[in-house]
N, C-alpha and C. Protein backbone atom coordinates (compact mmCIF):
# COMPACT_ATOMS: atom_id res chain seq x y z
N MET A 1 29.03 -24.62 6.82
CA MET A 1 27.92 -24.10 7.38
C MET A 1 27.26 -23.21 6.28
N THR A 2 26.15 -23.43 6.16
CA THR A 2 25.36 -22.55 4.71
C THR A 2 24.72 -21.54 5.55
N GLN A 3 24.51 -20.37 4.91
CA GLN A 3 24.25 -18.91 5.17
C GLN A 3 22.53 -19.43 4.72
N GLN A 4 21.72 -18.79 5.56
CA GLN A 4 20.14 -18.95 5.01
C GLN A 4 20.03 -17.45 4.70
N HIS A 5 18.91 -17.18 4.12
CA HIS A 5 18.18 -16.19 3.24
C HIS A 5 16.85 -16.46 3.98
N GLN A 6 16.41 -15.38 4.63
CA GLN A 6 15.48 -14.77 4.99
C GLN A 6 14.81 -13.91 4.32
N ALA A 7 13.40 -14.28 3.77
CA ALA A 7 12.60 -13.48 3.20
C ALA A 7 11.94 -12.17 3.88
N THR A 8 12.05 -11.18 3.09
CA THR A 8 11.68 -9.87 4.33
C THR A 8 10.86 -9.02 3.46
N ALA A 9 9.50 -8.82 3.94
CA ALA A 9 8.54 -8.50 3.47
C ALA A 9 9.14 -6.41 3.02
N PRO A 10 8.67 -6.28 2.04
CA PRO A 10 8.87 -5.12 1.14
C PRO A 10 8.16 -3.76 2.13
N ILE A 11 8.93 -2.87 2.12
CA ILE A 11 8.44 -1.75 2.87
C ILE A 11 7.41 -0.82 2.21
N ALA A 12 7.33 -0.97 0.76
CA ALA A 12 6.81 0.15 -0.27
C ALA A 12 6.44 -0.94 -1.29
N VAL A 13 5.46 -1.10 -2.20
CA VAL A 13 4.86 -1.68 -3.19
C VAL A 13 4.39 -0.66 -4.25
N GLY A 14 3.94 -1.33 -5.20
CA GLY A 14 3.61 -0.52 -6.59
C GLY A 14 2.13 -0.58 -6.33
N VAL A 15 1.63 0.37 -7.09
CA VAL A 15 0.02 0.67 -7.39
C VAL A 15 -0.83 -1.00 -7.32
N GLU A 16 -0.59 -1.83 -8.36
CA GLU A 16 -1.22 -2.96 -8.39
C GLU A 16 -1.12 -3.98 -7.13
N ASP A 17 -0.05 -3.94 -6.89
CA ASP A 17 0.08 -4.51 -5.77
C ASP A 17 -0.41 -4.14 -4.18
N ALA A 18 -0.69 -2.87 -4.20
CA ALA A 18 -0.92 -2.22 -3.21
C ALA A 18 -2.62 -2.13 -3.34
N ALA A 19 -3.34 -2.18 -4.27
CA ALA A 19 -4.46 -2.69 -4.48
C ALA A 19 -5.22 -3.97 -4.23
N ARG A 20 -4.05 -4.72 -4.43
CA ARG A 20 -4.44 -6.41 -4.27
C ARG A 20 -4.30 -6.62 -2.89
N LEU A 21 -3.59 -6.02 -2.16
CA LEU A 21 -3.45 -5.75 -0.54
C LEU A 21 -4.69 -5.47 0.11
N ILE A 22 -5.01 -4.21 -0.28
CA ILE A 22 -6.47 -3.71 0.12
C ILE A 22 -7.75 -4.28 0.21
N GLY A 23 -7.43 -5.13 -1.58
CA GLY A 23 -8.87 -5.36 -1.59
C GLY A 23 -9.49 -4.82 -2.72
N ILE A 24 -9.18 -3.79 -3.13
CA ILE A 24 -10.03 -2.85 -4.08
C ILE A 24 -8.96 -2.85 -5.50
N THR A 25 -9.85 -2.28 -6.45
CA THR A 25 -9.49 -2.23 -7.99
C THR A 25 -7.96 -1.15 -8.11
N ARG A 26 -7.45 -1.26 -9.09
CA ARG A 26 -6.34 -0.28 -9.45
C ARG A 26 -7.09 0.92 -9.73
N SER A 27 -8.00 1.03 -10.43
CA SER A 27 -8.50 2.32 -10.86
C SER A 27 -9.09 3.12 -9.68
N LYS A 28 -9.59 2.33 -8.62
CA LYS A 28 -10.26 2.91 -7.19
C LYS A 28 -9.31 3.52 -6.56
N LEU A 29 -7.87 2.43 -6.59
CA LEU A 29 -6.48 2.94 -5.91
C LEU A 29 -6.30 4.49 -6.64
N TYR A 30 -6.16 4.76 -7.50
CA TYR A 30 -5.49 5.69 -8.37
C TYR A 30 -6.45 6.84 -8.07
N GLU A 31 -7.54 6.68 -7.77
CA GLU A 31 -9.05 7.70 -7.41
C GLU A 31 -8.67 8.02 -5.90
N MET A 32 -8.45 7.19 -5.17
CA MET A 32 -8.17 7.55 -3.73
C MET A 32 -6.90 8.20 -3.49
N LEU A 33 -5.80 8.08 -4.60
CA LEU A 33 -4.37 8.64 -4.34
C LEU A 33 -4.52 10.04 -4.90
N ALA A 34 -5.63 10.28 -6.01
CA ALA A 34 -5.79 11.52 -6.00
C ALA A 34 -6.53 12.52 -5.16
N GLU A 35 -7.37 11.76 -4.54
CA GLU A 35 -8.30 12.35 -3.44
C GLU A 35 -7.33 12.61 -2.19
N GLY A 36 -6.17 12.10 -2.23
CA GLY A 36 -5.20 12.23 -0.94
C GLY A 36 -5.71 11.43 0.19
N LYS A 37 -6.60 10.75 -0.18
CA LYS A 37 -6.58 9.47 1.00
C LYS A 37 -5.68 8.68 1.64
N ILE A 38 -4.69 8.08 0.54
CA ILE A 38 -3.46 7.60 0.52
C ILE A 38 -2.70 7.86 0.13
N ARG A 39 -1.36 8.27 0.73
CA ARG A 39 -0.36 9.08 0.15
C ARG A 39 0.64 7.60 -0.54
N SER A 40 1.40 8.47 -1.72
CA SER A 40 2.19 7.62 -2.67
C SER A 40 3.54 8.79 -2.86
N PHE A 41 4.51 8.09 -3.56
CA PHE A 41 5.86 8.86 -3.73
C PHE A 41 6.13 8.05 -5.07
N LYS A 42 6.89 8.93 -5.76
CA LYS A 42 7.75 8.48 -7.22
C LYS A 42 9.06 8.05 -7.13
N LEU A 43 9.20 6.90 -7.32
CA LEU A 43 10.85 6.37 -7.28
C LEU A 43 11.31 6.18 -8.94
N GLY A 44 11.86 6.90 -9.61
CA GLY A 44 12.21 6.95 -10.68
C GLY A 44 10.60 7.22 -11.68
N ARG A 45 10.31 6.00 -12.32
CA ARG A 45 8.94 6.05 -13.29
C ARG A 45 7.93 5.48 -12.46
N ARG A 46 8.26 4.85 -11.33
CA ARG A 46 7.38 4.05 -10.50
C ARG A 46 6.44 4.84 -9.43
N ARG A 47 5.42 4.71 -9.06
CA ARG A 47 4.54 5.02 -8.18
C ARG A 47 4.58 3.66 -6.95
N LEU A 48 4.86 4.32 -5.94
CA LEU A 48 5.37 3.75 -4.76
C LEU A 48 4.27 4.06 -3.63
N ILE A 49 3.85 3.08 -2.81
CA ILE A 49 3.18 3.35 -1.75
C ILE A 49 3.58 2.53 -0.38
N GLN A 50 3.87 3.08 0.66
CA GLN A 50 4.61 2.67 1.95
C GLN A 50 3.48 1.50 2.06
N VAL A 51 3.90 0.40 2.72
CA VAL A 51 3.01 -0.78 3.41
C VAL A 51 2.54 -0.47 4.59
N GLN A 52 3.19 0.62 5.05
CA GLN A 52 2.72 1.30 6.52
C GLN A 52 1.55 2.56 5.95
N GLU A 53 1.46 2.91 5.03
CA GLU A 53 0.45 3.77 4.67
C GLU A 53 -0.64 3.11 4.42
N LEU A 54 -0.56 1.87 3.98
CA LEU A 54 -1.75 0.90 3.50
C LEU A 54 -2.50 0.43 4.87
N GLU A 55 -1.33 0.22 5.94
CA GLU A 55 -1.88 -0.37 7.09
C GLU A 55 -2.50 0.73 7.87
N PHE A 56 -1.84 1.84 7.80
CA PHE A 56 -2.86 3.09 8.53
C PHE A 56 -4.19 3.22 7.99
N PHE A 57 -4.02 3.42 6.33
CA PHE A 57 -5.45 3.70 5.91
C PHE A 57 -6.62 2.75 6.24
N ILE A 58 -6.11 1.59 6.33
CA ILE A 58 -7.25 0.48 6.88
C ILE A 58 -7.29 0.60 8.28
N GLN A 59 -6.36 0.94 9.15
CA GLN A 59 -7.22 1.28 10.52
C GLN A 59 -7.89 2.51 10.61
N ARG A 60 -7.68 3.18 10.25
CA ARG A 60 -8.32 4.55 9.95
C ARG A 60 -9.71 4.10 9.34
N HIS A 61 -9.99 3.65 8.45
CA HIS A 61 -11.32 3.17 7.91
C HIS A 61 -11.87 2.21 8.72
N ALA A 62 -11.35 1.04 9.38
CA ALA A 62 -11.96 0.31 10.07
C ALA A 62 -12.41 1.11 11.41
N ASN A 63 -11.83 2.22 12.03
CA ASN A 63 -12.12 3.02 13.17
C ASN A 63 -13.42 3.89 13.04
N GLU A 64 -13.13 4.43 11.72
CA GLU A 64 -14.64 5.33 11.47
C GLU A 64 -15.56 4.49 10.79
N ASN A 65 -15.71 3.50 10.63
CA ASN A 65 -16.99 2.70 10.02
C ASN A 65 -17.03 1.30 10.57
N GLY A 66 -16.28 1.19 11.64
CA GLY A 66 -16.67 0.16 12.53
C GLY A 66 -17.88 -0.09 13.23
N ARG A 67 -18.54 -1.08 13.83
CA ARG A 67 -19.77 -1.20 14.05
C ARG A 67 -19.43 -1.77 15.54
């Protein structure tokens, strides 16, 4: 019997991956982090953003600017 490995989605991503996920540049994401629009945290030397935080940001933005 072989053991199957399931790929799991990450719960936090680095700045470059986060920017790619929501379709903005890395510098724009850093700007938004500095403004407090998206929350992040440091783990060692890396700045990480929870995927759930990105989803909340997109939902808030869509609700505020939806037509």
